[in-house]
Every structure is written in C-alpha cells, then in structure tokens.
Amino acid sequence: MKDSQHLEARLRRAKSCLNDVATSIEQSKCIDLAPEIAMSFFFAGLIDKYEIIAAQYS
C-alpha cells in the first residue's frame, strides 16, 4: 500500500512537471521540444495536451 501511494505521488509530480513543460511550449512556440517529449506525455496521460501543441504547427 505504501509503495502504491509513493508511486501515485511520483506520477502526480511527473504529470505536473510535464504539464508545465507543455504550457511553456505553448507560450514560447518552441516546437523543437514537442517531438522529444511526446512519449513522456503519452506515458503520463497527457497525450491530449501534446496533440493540441502538435496541431498548432502542422
């Protein structure tokens, strides 16, 4: 149980960090980073955010 809670807390922090990166990319229009972090977004459950970023530049 304790390991599960620790893992959930780490995942929440990772999602928060990736969301901050996505917001930064949107604000700075830095498209070079988007492909490099696409898999991180996918694994963190933020693929919808990545798709929004990718759509802006396609």
N, C-alpha and C. Protein backbone atom coordinates (compact mmCIF):
# COMPACT_ATOMS: atom_id res chain seq x y z
N MET A 1 0.83 -1.19 0.00
CA MET A 1 0.00 0.00 0.00
C MET A 1 0.87 1.26 0.00
N LYS A 2 1.90 1.24 0.85
CA LYS A 2 2.78 2.39 0.93
C LYS A 2 3.50 2.63 -0.40
N ASP A 3 3.95 1.55 -1.04
CA ASP A 3 4.61 1.67 -2.34
C ASP A 3 3.66 2.25 -3.38
N SER A 4 2.42 1.82 -3.33
CA SER A 4 1.42 2.31 -4.27
C SER A 4 1.19 3.81 -4.09
N GLN A 5 1.10 4.25 -2.86
CA GLN A 5 0.90 5.68 -2.58
C GLN A 5 2.11 6.48 -3.03
N HIS A 6 3.30 5.95 -2.80
CA HIS A 6 4.53 6.62 -3.22
C HIS A 6 4.57 6.74 -4.74
N LEU A 7 4.21 5.68 -5.43
CA LEU A 7 4.19 5.69 -6.89
C LEU A 7 3.17 6.69 -7.43
N GLU A 8 1.99 6.73 -6.82
CA GLU A 8 0.96 7.68 -7.23
C GLU A 8 1.43 9.12 -7.04
N ALA A 9 2.12 9.39 -5.95
CA ALA A 9 2.64 10.73 -5.69
C ALA A 9 3.69 11.11 -6.73
N ARG A 10 4.55 10.16 -7.08
CA ARG A 10 5.57 10.43 -8.11
C ARG A 10 4.92 10.69 -9.46
N LEU A 11 3.88 9.94 -9.78
CA LEU A 11 3.18 10.13 -11.05
C LEU A 11 2.50 11.50 -11.09
N ARG A 12 1.91 11.91 -9.97
CA ARG A 12 1.28 13.24 -9.92
C ARG A 12 2.31 14.33 -10.14
N ARG A 13 3.49 14.20 -9.52
CA ARG A 13 4.55 15.19 -9.72
C ARG A 13 5.03 15.20 -11.17
N ALA A 14 5.16 14.03 -11.77
CA ALA A 14 5.60 13.95 -13.17
C ALA A 14 4.57 14.59 -14.09
N LYS A 15 3.29 14.33 -13.86
CA LYS A 15 2.25 14.94 -14.67
C LYS A 15 2.27 16.46 -14.54
N SER A 16 2.46 16.94 -13.33
CA SER A 16 2.51 18.38 -13.10
C SER A 16 3.69 19.00 -13.84
N CYS A 17 4.83 18.35 -13.77
CA CYS A 17 6.03 18.83 -14.45
C CYS A 17 5.82 18.86 -15.96
N LEU A 18 5.28 17.78 -16.51
CA LEU A 18 5.05 17.73 -17.96
C LEU A 18 4.02 18.75 -18.40
N ASN A 19 3.01 18.99 -17.56
CA ASN A 19 2.02 19.99 -17.89
C ASN A 19 2.66 21.38 -17.93
N ASP A 20 3.58 21.64 -17.00
CA ASP A 20 4.31 22.91 -17.01
C ASP A 20 5.13 23.05 -18.28
N VAL A 21 5.77 21.96 -18.71
CA VAL A 21 6.55 21.98 -19.95
C VAL A 21 5.64 22.27 -21.14
N ALA A 22 4.47 21.62 -21.18
CA ALA A 22 3.53 21.83 -22.28
C ALA A 22 3.08 23.28 -22.33
N THR A 23 2.78 23.85 -21.18
CA THR A 23 2.37 25.25 -21.12
C THR A 23 3.49 26.15 -21.61
N SER A 24 4.71 25.86 -21.21
CA SER A 24 5.86 26.64 -21.64
C SER A 24 6.04 26.57 -23.15
N ILE A 25 5.87 25.37 -23.72
CA ILE A 25 5.99 25.21 -25.17
C ILE A 25 4.91 26.03 -25.87
N GLU A 26 3.68 25.97 -25.38
CA GLU A 26 2.60 26.72 -26.00
C GLU A 26 2.89 28.22 -25.96
N GLN A 27 3.41 28.70 -24.85
CA GLN A 27 3.64 30.13 -24.69
C GLN A 27 4.83 30.61 -25.51
N SER A 28 5.86 29.78 -25.63
CA SER A 28 7.07 30.22 -26.34
C SER A 28 7.08 29.79 -27.80
N LYS A 29 6.11 28.97 -28.19
CA LYS A 29 6.04 28.43 -29.55
C LYS A 29 7.32 27.67 -29.90
N CYS A 30 7.87 26.97 -28.93
CA CYS A 30 9.10 26.19 -29.13
C CYS A 30 8.73 24.80 -29.62
N ILE A 31 8.75 24.61 -30.93
CA ILE A 31 8.28 23.35 -31.50
C ILE A 31 9.36 22.26 -31.49
N ASP A 32 10.62 22.62 -31.29
CA ASP A 32 11.69 21.63 -31.31
C ASP A 32 11.58 20.63 -30.17
N LEU A 33 11.01 21.04 -29.04
CA LEU A 33 10.92 20.16 -27.89
C LEU A 33 9.75 19.18 -27.99
N ALA A 34 8.70 19.56 -28.69
CA ALA A 34 7.48 18.75 -28.69
C ALA A 34 7.73 17.29 -29.09
N PRO A 35 8.42 16.99 -30.19
CA PRO A 35 8.63 15.58 -30.55
C PRO A 35 9.44 14.82 -29.51
N GLU A 36 10.38 15.50 -28.86
CA GLU A 36 11.24 14.84 -27.89
C GLU A 36 10.49 14.42 -26.63
N ILE A 37 9.42 15.12 -26.30
CA ILE A 37 8.69 14.79 -25.07
C ILE A 37 7.35 14.14 -25.35
N ALA A 38 7.07 13.83 -26.61
CA ALA A 38 5.78 13.22 -26.95
C ALA A 38 5.55 11.91 -26.19
N MET A 39 6.56 11.07 -26.11
CA MET A 39 6.39 9.80 -25.41
C MET A 39 6.18 10.01 -23.91
N SER A 40 6.85 11.00 -23.35
CA SER A 40 6.63 11.31 -21.93
C SER A 40 5.20 11.74 -21.70
N PHE A 41 4.67 12.56 -22.60
CA PHE A 41 3.26 12.98 -22.49
C PHE A 41 2.36 11.76 -22.58
N PHE A 42 2.65 10.86 -23.52
CA PHE A 42 1.82 9.68 -23.68
C PHE A 42 1.80 8.85 -22.40
N PHE A 43 2.98 8.57 -21.86
CA PHE A 43 3.06 7.73 -20.67
C PHE A 43 2.50 8.41 -19.43
N ALA A 44 2.48 9.72 -19.40
CA ALA A 44 1.94 10.45 -18.24
C ALA A 44 0.45 10.76 -18.41
N GLY A 45 -0.13 10.32 -19.51
CA GLY A 45 -1.55 10.56 -19.72
C GLY A 45 -1.85 11.96 -20.21
N LEU A 46 -0.86 12.62 -20.82
CA LEU A 46 -1.07 13.99 -21.29
C LEU A 46 -1.05 14.08 -22.81
N ILE A 47 -1.34 12.98 -23.47
CA ILE A 47 -1.25 12.97 -24.93
C ILE A 47 -2.20 13.97 -25.57
N ASP A 48 -3.33 14.22 -24.94
CA ASP A 48 -4.25 15.20 -25.50
C ASP A 48 -3.60 16.58 -25.54
N LYS A 49 -2.83 16.92 -24.52
CA LYS A 49 -2.12 18.20 -24.48
C LYS A 49 -1.09 18.25 -25.60
N TYR A 50 -0.37 17.15 -25.82
CA TYR A 50 0.61 17.11 -26.90
C TYR A 50 -0.06 17.28 -28.25
N GLU A 51 -1.21 16.63 -28.42
CA GLU A 51 -1.91 16.72 -29.70
C GLU A 51 -2.32 18.16 -29.99
N ILE A 52 -2.70 18.89 -28.95
CA ILE A 52 -3.06 20.30 -29.13
C ILE A 52 -1.84 21.08 -29.60
N ILE A 53 -0.69 20.83 -28.97
CA ILE A 53 0.55 21.51 -29.35
C ILE A 53 0.92 21.15 -30.79
N ALA A 54 0.89 19.86 -31.11
CA ALA A 54 1.27 19.41 -32.45
C ALA A 54 0.34 20.01 -33.51
N ALA A 55 -0.94 20.10 -33.20
CA ALA A 55 -1.91 20.63 -34.17
C ALA A 55 -1.63 22.09 -34.50
N GLN A 56 -1.06 22.82 -33.57
CA GLN A 56 -0.77 24.24 -33.80
C GLN A 56 0.28 24.43 -34.89
N TYR A 57 1.12 23.43 -35.09
CA TYR A 57 2.25 23.59 -36.00
C TYR A 57 2.19 22.69 -37.22
N SER A 58 1.08 21.96 -37.38
CA SER A 58 1.01 21.05 -38.53
C SER A 58 0.32 21.70 -39.71
